[in-house]
Amino acid sequence: FQGFGFGQAAIKFAQKQFEELRLWVFQSNIGA
């Protein structure tokens, strides 16, 4: 199901709940 907008929809869902979001991503994960 990757590449169909589900991740983006999830982030927008979270962005509606908070004025600020934070997260960690591995430096090797260029896609993320």
Full PDB file with SEQRES, HELIX, SHEET, SSBOND, CRYST1, ORIGX, SCALE, CONECT and MASTER records, all heavy atoms in Angstrom:
SEQRES   1 A   32  PHE GLN GLY PHE GLY PHE GLY GLN ALA ALA ILE LYS PHE          
SEQRES   2 A   32  ALA GLN LYS GLN PHE GLU GLU LEU ARG LEU TRP VAL PHE          
SEQRES   3 A   32  GLN SER ASN ILE GLY ALA                                      
HELIX    1 AA1 PHE A    6  GLN A   15  1                                  10    
CRYST1    1.000    1.000    1.000  90.00  90.00  90.00 P 1           1          
ORIGX1      1.000000  0.000000  0.000000        0.00000                         
ORIGX2      0.000000  1.000000  0.000000        0.00000                         
ORIGX3      0.000000  0.000000  1.000000        0.00000                         
SCALE1      1.000000  0.000000  0.000000        0.00000                         
SCALE2      0.000000  1.000000  0.000000        0.00000                         
SCALE3      0.000000  0.000000  1.000000        0.00000                         
ATOM      1  N   PHE A   1       0.812  -1.215   0.000  1.00  0.00           N  
ATOM      2  CA  PHE A   1       0.000   0.000   0.000  1.00  0.00           C  
ATOM      3  C   PHE A   1       0.848   1.269   0.000  1.00  0.00           C  
ATOM      4  O   PHE A   1       0.314   2.374   0.065  1.00  0.00           O  
ATOM      5  CB  PHE A   1      -0.954  -0.005   1.200  1.00  0.00           C  
ATOM      6  CG  PHE A   1      -1.955  -1.122   1.126  1.00  0.00           C  
ATOM      7  CD1 PHE A   1      -1.730  -2.313   1.798  1.00  0.00           C  
ATOM      8  CD2 PHE A   1      -3.101  -0.989   0.361  1.00  0.00           C  
ATOM      9  CE1 PHE A   1      -2.645  -3.354   1.723  1.00  0.00           C  
ATOM     10  CE2 PHE A   1      -4.018  -2.027   0.272  1.00  0.00           C  
ATOM     11  CZ  PHE A   1      -3.790  -3.216   0.958  1.00  0.00           C  
ATOM     12  N   GLN A   2       2.169   1.121  -0.069  1.00  0.00           N  
ATOM     13  CA  GLN A   2       3.046   2.283  -0.106  1.00  0.00           C  
ATOM     14  C   GLN A   2       2.968   2.961  -1.465  1.00  0.00           C  
ATOM     15  O   GLN A   2       2.780   2.316  -2.489  1.00  0.00           O  
ATOM     16  CB  GLN A   2       4.479   1.867   0.219  1.00  0.00           C  
ATOM     17  CG  GLN A   2       4.644   1.416   1.648  1.00  0.00           C  
ATOM     18  CD  GLN A   2       6.030   0.911   1.961  1.00  0.00           C  
ATOM     19  OE1 GLN A   2       6.932   0.944   1.138  1.00  0.00           O  
ATOM     20  NE2 GLN A   2       6.205   0.428   3.179  1.00  0.00           N  
ATOM     21  N   GLY A   3       3.083   4.273  -1.453  1.00  0.00           N  
ATOM     22  CA  GLY A   3       3.063   5.037  -2.691  1.00  0.00           C  
ATOM     23  C   GLY A   3       1.673   5.419  -3.176  1.00  0.00           C  
ATOM     24  O   GLY A   3       1.530   5.973  -4.267  1.00  0.00           O  
ATOM     25  N   PHE A   4       0.661   5.139  -2.349  1.00  0.00           N  
ATOM     26  CA  PHE A   4      -0.715   5.456  -2.741  1.00  0.00           C  
ATOM     27  C   PHE A   4      -1.311   6.608  -1.926  1.00  0.00           C  
ATOM     28  O   PHE A   4      -2.499   6.871  -2.015  1.00  0.00           O  
ATOM     29  CB  PHE A   4      -1.614   4.227  -2.623  1.00  0.00           C  
ATOM     30  CG  PHE A   4      -1.258   3.131  -3.585  1.00  0.00           C  
ATOM     31  CD1 PHE A   4      -0.534   2.039  -3.153  1.00  0.00           C  
ATOM     32  CD2 PHE A   4      -1.612   3.217  -4.926  1.00  0.00           C  
ATOM     33  CE1 PHE A   4      -0.183   1.026  -4.039  1.00  0.00           C  
ATOM     34  CE2 PHE A   4      -1.270   2.218  -5.817  1.00  0.00           C  
ATOM     35  CZ  PHE A   4      -0.546   1.114  -5.372  1.00  0.00           C  
ATOM     36  N   GLY A   5      -0.499   7.244  -1.086  1.00  0.00           N  
ATOM     37  CA  GLY A   5      -0.973   8.401  -0.330  1.00  0.00           C  
ATOM     38  C   GLY A   5      -1.421   8.121   1.090  1.00  0.00           C  
ATOM     39  O   GLY A   5      -1.854   9.038   1.793  1.00  0.00           O  
ATOM     40  N   PHE A   6      -1.326   6.878   1.548  1.00  0.00           N  
ATOM     41  CA  PHE A   6      -1.772   6.562   2.908  1.00  0.00           C  
ATOM     42  C   PHE A   6      -0.872   7.205   3.976  1.00  0.00           C  
ATOM     43  O   PHE A   6      -1.361   7.695   4.983  1.00  0.00           O  
ATOM     44  CB  PHE A   6      -1.856   5.050   3.128  1.00  0.00           C  
ATOM     45  CG  PHE A   6      -2.930   4.404   2.305  1.00  0.00           C  
ATOM     46  CD1 PHE A   6      -2.613   3.632   1.199  1.00  0.00           C  
ATOM     47  CD2 PHE A   6      -4.271   4.595   2.618  1.00  0.00           C  
ATOM     48  CE1 PHE A   6      -3.602   3.050   0.429  1.00  0.00           C  
ATOM     49  CE2 PHE A   6      -5.269   4.023   1.850  1.00  0.00           C  
ATOM     50  CZ  PHE A   6      -4.933   3.238   0.747  1.00  0.00           C  
ATOM     51  N   GLY A   7       0.437   7.205   3.737  1.00  0.00           N  
ATOM     52  CA  GLY A   7       1.353   7.845   4.677  1.00  0.00           C  
ATOM     53  C   GLY A   7       1.096   9.338   4.756  1.00  0.00           C  
ATOM     54  O   GLY A   7       1.042   9.926   5.841  1.00  0.00           O  
ATOM     55  N   GLN A   8       0.923   9.962   3.600  1.00  0.00           N  
ATOM     56  CA  GLN A   8       0.628  11.397   3.558  1.00  0.00           C  
ATOM     57  C   GLN A   8      -0.688  11.691   4.266  1.00  0.00           C  
ATOM     58  O   GLN A   8      -0.786  12.661   5.028  1.00  0.00           O  
ATOM     59  CB  GLN A   8       0.580  11.873   2.112  1.00  0.00           C  
ATOM     60  CG  GLN A   8       0.340  13.351   1.982  1.00  0.00           C  
ATOM     61  CD  GLN A   8       0.419  13.837   0.539  1.00  0.00           C  
ATOM     62  OE1 GLN A   8       0.874  13.132  -0.352  1.00  0.00           O  
ATOM     63  NE2 GLN A   8      -0.025  15.053   0.310  1.00  0.00           N  
ATOM     64  N   ALA A   9      -1.692  10.872   4.042  1.00  0.00           N  
ATOM     65  CA  ALA A   9      -2.980  11.068   4.709  1.00  0.00           C  
ATOM     66  C   ALA A   9      -2.820  10.937   6.225  1.00  0.00           C  
ATOM     67  O   ALA A   9      -3.427  11.697   6.991  1.00  0.00           O  
ATOM     68  CB  ALA A   9      -4.005  10.064   4.196  1.00  0.00           C  
ATOM     69  N   ALA A  10      -1.983  10.007   6.671  1.00  0.00           N  
ATOM     70  CA  ALA A  10      -1.746   9.824   8.110  1.00  0.00           C  
ATOM     71  C   ALA A  10      -1.066  11.049   8.717  1.00  0.00           C  
ATOM     72  O   ALA A  10      -1.434  11.496   9.806  1.00  0.00           O  
ATOM     73  CB  ALA A  10      -0.915   8.568   8.355  1.00  0.00           C  
ATOM     74  N   ILE A  11      -0.093  11.600   8.006  1.00  0.00           N  
ATOM     75  CA  ILE A  11       0.594  12.799   8.512  1.00  0.00           C  
ATOM     76  C   ILE A  11      -0.378  13.975   8.551  1.00  0.00           C  
ATOM     77  O   ILE A  11      -0.419  14.733   9.536  1.00  0.00           O  
ATOM     78  CB  ILE A  11       1.832  13.127   7.660  1.00  0.00           C  
ATOM     79  CG1 ILE A  11       2.896  12.036   7.822  1.00  0.00           C  
ATOM     80  CG2 ILE A  11       2.398  14.500   8.022  1.00  0.00           C  
ATOM     81  CD1 ILE A  11       3.405  11.844   9.242  1.00  0.00           C  
ATOM     82  N   LYS A  12      -1.189  14.133   7.540  1.00  0.00           N  
ATOM     83  CA  LYS A  12      -2.171  15.233   7.546  1.00  0.00           C  
ATOM     84  C   LYS A  12      -3.183  15.048   8.680  1.00  0.00           C  
ATOM     85  O   LYS A  12      -3.604  16.021   9.307  1.00  0.00           O  
ATOM     86  CB  LYS A  12      -2.851  15.343   6.185  1.00  0.00           C  
ATOM     87  CG  LYS A  12      -1.897  15.888   5.139  1.00  0.00           C  
ATOM     88  CD  LYS A  12      -2.545  16.068   3.796  1.00  0.00           C  
ATOM     89  CE  LYS A  12      -1.534  16.691   2.848  1.00  0.00           C  
ATOM     90  NZ  LYS A  12      -2.082  16.993   1.547  1.00  0.00           N  
ATOM     91  N   PHE A  13      -3.544  13.799   8.962  1.00  0.00           N  
ATOM     92  CA  PHE A  13      -4.412  13.478  10.095  1.00  0.00           C  
ATOM     93  C   PHE A  13      -3.757  13.948  11.405  1.00  0.00           C  
ATOM     94  O   PHE A  13      -4.402  14.587  12.242  1.00  0.00           O  
ATOM     95  CB  PHE A  13      -4.658  11.962  10.119  1.00  0.00           C  
ATOM     96  CG  PHE A  13      -5.380  11.448  11.325  1.00  0.00           C  
ATOM     97  CD1 PHE A  13      -6.758  11.555  11.426  1.00  0.00           C  
ATOM     98  CD2 PHE A  13      -4.680  10.818  12.347  1.00  0.00           C  
ATOM     99  CE1 PHE A  13      -7.426  11.052  12.545  1.00  0.00           C  
ATOM    100  CE2 PHE A  13      -5.342  10.317  13.459  1.00  0.00           C  
ATOM    101  CZ  PHE A  13      -6.710  10.438  13.555  1.00  0.00           C  
ATOM    102  N   ALA A  14      -2.466  13.683  11.566  1.00  0.00           N  
ATOM    103  CA  ALA A  14      -1.738  14.110  12.766  1.00  0.00           C  
ATOM    104  C   ALA A  14      -1.579  15.627  12.803  1.00  0.00           C  
ATOM    105  O   ALA A  14      -1.693  16.246  13.866  1.00  0.00           O  
ATOM    106  CB  ALA A  14      -0.372  13.418  12.823  1.00  0.00           C  
ATOM    107  N   GLN A  15      -1.333  16.239  11.650  1.00  0.00           N  
ATOM    108  CA  GLN A  15      -1.146  17.686  11.592  1.00  0.00           C  
ATOM    109  C   GLN A  15      -2.406  18.445  11.993  1.00  0.00           C  
ATOM    110  O   GLN A  15      -2.318  19.569  12.496  1.00  0.00           O  
ATOM    111  CB  GLN A  15      -0.682  18.110  10.192  1.00  0.00           C  
ATOM    112  CG  GLN A  15       0.757  17.717   9.909  1.00  0.00           C  
ATOM    113  CD  GLN A  15       1.174  17.958   8.475  1.00  0.00           C  
ATOM    114  OE1 GLN A  15       0.366  17.858   7.544  1.00  0.00           O  
ATOM    115  NE2 GLN A  15       2.451  18.256   8.276  1.00  0.00           N  
ATOM    116  N   LYS A  16      -3.568  17.844  11.795  1.00  0.00           N  
ATOM    117  CA  LYS A  16      -4.823  18.479  12.216  1.00  0.00           C  
ATOM    118  C   LYS A  16      -4.973  18.464  13.736  1.00  0.00           C  
ATOM    119  O   LYS A  16      -5.727  19.253  14.294  1.00  0.00           O  
ATOM    120  CB  LYS A  16      -6.018  17.780  11.571  1.00  0.00           C  
ATOM    121  CG  LYS A  16      -6.143  18.036  10.097  1.00  0.00           C  
ATOM    122  CD  LYS A  16      -7.311  17.281   9.506  1.00  0.00           C  
ATOM    123  CE  LYS A  16      -7.376  17.460   8.001  1.00  0.00           C  
ATOM    124  NZ  LYS A  16      -8.427  16.636   7.390  1.00  0.00           N  
ATOM    125  N   GLN A  17      -4.260  17.574  14.401  1.00  0.00           N  
ATOM    126  CA  GLN A  17      -4.374  17.431  15.851  1.00  0.00           C  
ATOM    127  C   GLN A  17      -3.387  18.290  16.623  1.00  0.00           C  
ATOM    128  O   GLN A  17      -3.615  18.592  17.790  1.00  0.00           O  
ATOM    129  CB  GLN A  17      -4.159  15.969  16.246  1.00  0.00           C  
ATOM    130  CG  GLN A  17      -5.183  15.026  15.660  1.00  0.00           C  
ATOM    131  CD  GLN A  17      -4.847  13.600  16.000  1.00  0.00           C  
ATOM    132  OE1 GLN A  17      -4.700  13.252  17.166  1.00  0.00           O  
ATOM    133  NE2 GLN A  17      -4.710  12.768  14.983  1.00  0.00           N  
ATOM    134  N   PHE A  18      -2.269  18.639  15.995  1.00  0.00           N  
ATOM    135  CA  PHE A  18      -1.193  19.331  16.702  1.00  0.00           C  
ATOM    136  C   PHE A  18      -0.667  20.498  15.875  1.00  0.00           C  
ATOM    137  O   PHE A  18      -0.698  20.460  14.651  1.00  0.00           O  
ATOM    138  CB  PHE A  18      -0.028  18.369  16.985  1.00  0.00           C  
ATOM    139  CG  PHE A  18      -0.413  17.220  17.876  1.00  0.00           C  
ATOM    140  CD1 PHE A  18      -0.758  15.998  17.332  1.00  0.00           C  
ATOM    141  CD2 PHE A  18      -0.438  17.370  19.247  1.00  0.00           C  
ATOM    142  CE1 PHE A  18      -1.121  14.935  18.138  1.00  0.00           C  
ATOM    143  CE2 PHE A  18      -0.805  16.321  20.070  1.00  0.00           C  
ATOM    144  CZ  PHE A  18      -1.140  15.095  19.518  1.00  0.00           C  
ATOM    145  N   GLU A  19      -0.160  21.502  16.575  1.00  0.00           N  
ATOM    146  CA  GLU A  19       0.468  22.627  15.888  1.00  0.00           C  
ATOM    147  C   GLU A  19       1.934  22.358  15.598  1.00  0.00           C  
ATOM    148  O   GLU A  19       2.575  23.101  14.861  1.00  0.00           O  
ATOM    149  CB  GLU A  19       0.318  23.899  16.728  1.00  0.00           C  
ATOM    150  CG  GLU A  19      -1.122  24.357  16.803  1.00  0.00           C  
ATOM    151  CD  GLU A  19      -1.277  25.690  17.500  1.00  0.00           C  
ATOM    152  OE1 GLU A  19      -0.267  26.390  17.728  1.00  0.00           O  
ATOM    153  OE2 GLU A  19      -2.423  26.039  17.814  1.00  0.00           O  
ATOM    154  N   GLU A  20       2.455  21.284  16.196  1.00  0.00           N  
ATOM    155  CA  GLU A  20       3.849  20.912  15.978  1.00  0.00           C  
ATOM    156  C   GLU A  20       3.959  19.401  16.046  1.00  0.00           C  
ATOM    157  O   GLU A  20       3.329  18.766  16.893  1.00  0.00           O  
ATOM    158  CB  GLU A  20       4.736  21.546  17.058  1.00  0.00           C  
ATOM    159  CG  GLU A  20       6.184  21.157  16.963  1.00  0.00           C  
ATOM    160  CD  GLU A  20       7.033  21.846  18.030  1.00  0.00           C  
ATOM    161  OE1 GLU A  20       7.144  23.093  17.986  1.00  0.00           O  
ATOM    162  OE2 GLU A  20       7.570  21.140  18.890  1.00  0.00           O  
ATOM    163  N   LEU A  21       4.742  18.812  15.150  1.00  0.00           N  
ATOM    164  CA  LEU A  21       5.037  17.387  15.162  1.00  0.00           C  
ATOM    165  C   LEU A  21       6.545  17.201  15.077  1.00  0.00           C  
ATOM    166  O   LEU A  21       7.236  17.975  14.413  1.00  0.00           O  
ATOM    167  CB  LEU A  21       4.379  16.669  13.975  1.00  0.00           C  
ATOM    168  CG  LEU A  21       2.863  16.603  13.961  1.00  0.00           C  
ATOM    169  CD1 LEU A  21       2.371  16.080  12.615  1.00  0.00           C  
ATOM    170  CD2 LEU A  21       2.353  15.720  15.091  1.00  0.00           C  
ATOM    171  N   ARG A  22       7.012  16.151  15.753  1.00  0.00           N  
ATOM    172  CA  ARG A  22       8.441  15.840  15.746  1.00  0.00           C  
ATOM    173  C   ARG A  22       8.630  14.351  15.498  1.00  0.00           C  
ATOM    174  O   ARG A  22       7.764  13.554  15.851  1.00  0.00           O  
ATOM    175  CB  ARG A  22       9.081  16.227  17.082  1.00  0.00           C  
ATOM    176  CG  ARG A  22       9.045  17.714  17.335  1.00  0.00           C  
ATOM    177  CD  ARG A  22       9.506  18.074  18.732  1.00  0.00           C  
ATOM    178  NE  ARG A  22       9.605  19.503  18.851  1.00  0.00           N  
ATOM    179  CZ  ARG A  22      10.762  20.174  18.887  1.00  0.00           C  
ATOM    180  NH1 ARG A  22      11.904  19.537  18.830  1.00  0.00           N  
ATOM    181  NH2 ARG A  22      10.768  21.478  18.982  1.00  0.00           N  
ATOM    182  N   LEU A  23       9.770  14.002  14.921  1.00  0.00           N  
ATOM    183  CA  LEU A  23      10.067  12.591  14.679  1.00  0.00           C  
ATOM    184  C   LEU A  23      11.538  12.408  14.328  1.00  0.00           C  
ATOM    185  O   LEU A  23      12.227  13.354  13.985  1.00  0.00           O  
ATOM    186  CB  LEU A  23       9.202  12.044  13.538  1.00  0.00           C  
ATOM    187  CG  LEU A  23       9.326  12.739  12.184  1.00  0.00           C  
ATOM    188  CD1 LEU A  23      10.352  12.069  11.295  1.00  0.00           C  
ATOM    189  CD2 LEU A  23       7.985  12.786  11.500  1.00  0.00           C  
ATOM    190  N   TRP A  24      11.996  11.156  14.439  1.00  0.00           N  
ATOM    191  CA  TRP A  24      13.340  10.761  14.046  1.00  0.00           C  
ATOM    192  C   TRP A  24      13.257   9.875  12.814  1.00  0.00           C  
ATOM    193  O   TRP A  24      12.340   9.064  12.692  1.00  0.00           O  
ATOM    194  CB  TRP A  24      14.018   9.963  15.160  1.00  0.00           C  
ATOM    195  CG  TRP A  24      14.426  10.785  16.340  1.00  0.00           C  
ATOM    196  CD1 TRP A  24      13.717  10.974  17.493  1.00  0.00           C  
ATOM    197  CD2 TRP A  24      15.640  11.517  16.505  1.00  0.00           C  
ATOM    198  NE1 TRP A  24      14.406  11.782  18.346  1.00  0.00           N  
ATOM    199  CE2 TRP A  24      15.606  12.124  17.771  1.00  0.00           C  
ATOM    200  CE3 TRP A  24      16.763  11.711  15.703  1.00  0.00           C  
ATOM    201  CZ2 TRP A  24      16.646  12.914  18.259  1.00  0.00           C  
ATOM    202  CZ3 TRP A  24      17.796  12.496  16.186  1.00  0.00           C  
ATOM    203  CH2 TRP A  24      17.729  13.091  17.446  1.00  0.00           C  
ATOM    204  N   VAL A  25      14.236  10.019  11.911  1.00  0.00           N  
ATOM    205  CA  VAL A  25      14.352   9.192  10.709  1.00  0.00           C  
ATOM    206  C   VAL A  25      15.819   8.780  10.581  1.00  0.00           C  
ATOM    207  O   VAL A  25      16.712   9.595  10.803  1.00  0.00           O  
ATOM    208  CB  VAL A  25      13.933   9.992   9.446  1.00  0.00           C  
ATOM    209  CG1 VAL A  25      14.231   9.221   8.180  1.00  0.00           C  
ATOM    210  CG2 VAL A  25      12.471  10.360   9.507  1.00  0.00           C  
ATOM    211  N   PHE A  26      16.062   7.530  10.198  1.00  0.00           N  
ATOM    212  CA  PHE A  26      17.437   7.098   9.960  1.00  0.00           C  
ATOM    213  C   PHE A  26      18.016   7.871   8.788  1.00  0.00           C  
ATOM    214  O   PHE A  26      17.337   8.095   7.774  1.00  0.00           O  
ATOM    215  CB  PHE A  26      17.507   5.596   9.660  1.00  0.00           C  
ATOM    216  CG  PHE A  26      17.156   4.737  10.839  1.00  0.00           C  
ATOM    217  CD1 PHE A  26      16.145   3.806  10.736  1.00  0.00           C  
ATOM    218  CD2 PHE A  26      17.841   4.843  12.041  1.00  0.00           C  
ATOM    219  CE1 PHE A  26      15.813   3.005  11.812  1.00  0.00           C  
ATOM    220  CE2 PHE A  26      17.516   4.056  13.120  1.00  0.00           C  
ATOM    221  CZ  PHE A  26      16.508   3.128  13.014  1.00  0.00           C  
ATOM    222  N   GLN A  27      19.282   8.272   8.910  1.00  0.00           N  
ATOM    223  CA  GLN A  27      19.941   9.005   7.824  1.00  0.00           C  
ATOM    224  C   GLN A  27      20.002   8.174   6.546  1.00  0.00           C  
ATOM    225  O   GLN A  27      19.986   8.724   5.448  1.00  0.00           O  
ATOM    226  CB  GLN A  27      21.350   9.431   8.242  1.00  0.00           C  
ATOM    227  CG  GLN A  27      21.351  10.557   9.254  1.00  0.00           C  
ATOM    228  CD  GLN A  27      22.736  11.061   9.577  1.00  0.00           C  
ATOM    229  OE1 GLN A  27      23.648  10.982   8.754  1.00  0.00           O  
ATOM    230  NE2 GLN A  27      22.908  11.583  10.787  1.00  0.00           N  
ATOM    231  N   SER A  28      20.022   6.862   6.680  1.00  0.00           N  
ATOM    232  CA  SER A  28      20.077   5.992   5.502  1.00  0.00           C  
ATOM    233  C   SER A  28      18.736   5.896   4.781  1.00  0.00           C  
ATOM    234  O   SER A  28      18.680   5.432   3.637  1.00  0.00           O  
ATOM    235  CB  SER A  28      20.538   4.586   5.911  1.00  0.00           C  
ATOM    236  OG  SER A  28      19.595   4.007   6.803  1.00  0.00           O  
ATOM    237  N   ASN A  29      17.653   6.354   5.410  1.00  0.00           N  
ATOM    238  CA  ASN A  29      16.323   6.238   4.826  1.00  0.00           C  
ATOM    239  C   ASN A  29      15.993   7.509   4.023  1.00  0.00           C  
ATOM    240  O   ASN A  29      15.203   8.351   4.449  1.00  0.00           O  
ATOM    241  CB  ASN A  29      15.276   5.985   5.916  1.00  0.00           C  
ATOM    242  CG  ASN A  29      13.948   5.553   5.348  1.00  0.00           C  
ATOM    243  OD1 ASN A  29      13.666   5.756   4.181  1.00  0.00           O  
ATOM    244  ND2 ASN A  29      13.133   4.962   6.199  1.00  0.00           N  
ATOM    245  N   ILE A  30      16.589   7.594   2.848  1.00  0.00           N  
ATOM    246  CA  ILE A  30      16.430   8.775   1.998  1.00  0.00           C  
ATOM    247  C   ILE A  30      14.967   8.974   1.596  1.00  0.00           C  
ATOM    248  O   ILE A  30      14.470  10.095   1.555  1.00  0.00           O  
ATOM    249  CB  ILE A  30      17.322   8.667   0.739  1.00  0.00           C  
ATOM    250  CG1 ILE A  30      18.797   8.459   1.130  1.00  0.00           C  
ATOM    251  CG2 ILE A  30      17.153   9.880  -0.165  1.00  0.00           C  
ATOM    252  CD1 ILE A  30      19.387   9.550   1.987  1.00  0.00           C  
ATOM    253  N   GLY A  31      14.264   7.881   1.327  1.00  0.00           N  
ATOM    254  CA  GLY A  31      12.851   7.983   0.945  1.00  0.00           C  
ATOM    255  C   GLY A  31      12.022   8.645   2.019  1.00  0.00           C  
ATOM    256  O   GLY A  31      11.184   9.510   1.735  1.00  0.00           O  
ATOM    257  N   ALA A  32      12.228   8.250   3.266  1.00  0.00           N  
ATOM    258  CA  ALA A  32      11.482   8.848   4.380  1.00  0.00           C  
ATOM    259  C   ALA A  32      11.854  10.320   4.544  1.00  0.00           C  
ATOM    260  O   ALA A  32      10.981  11.162   4.796  1.00  0.00           O  
ATOM    261  CB  ALA A  32      11.737   8.087   5.675  1.00  0.00           C  
TER     262      ALA A  32                                                      
MASTER        0    0    0    1    0    0    0    6  261    1    0    3          
END                                                                             
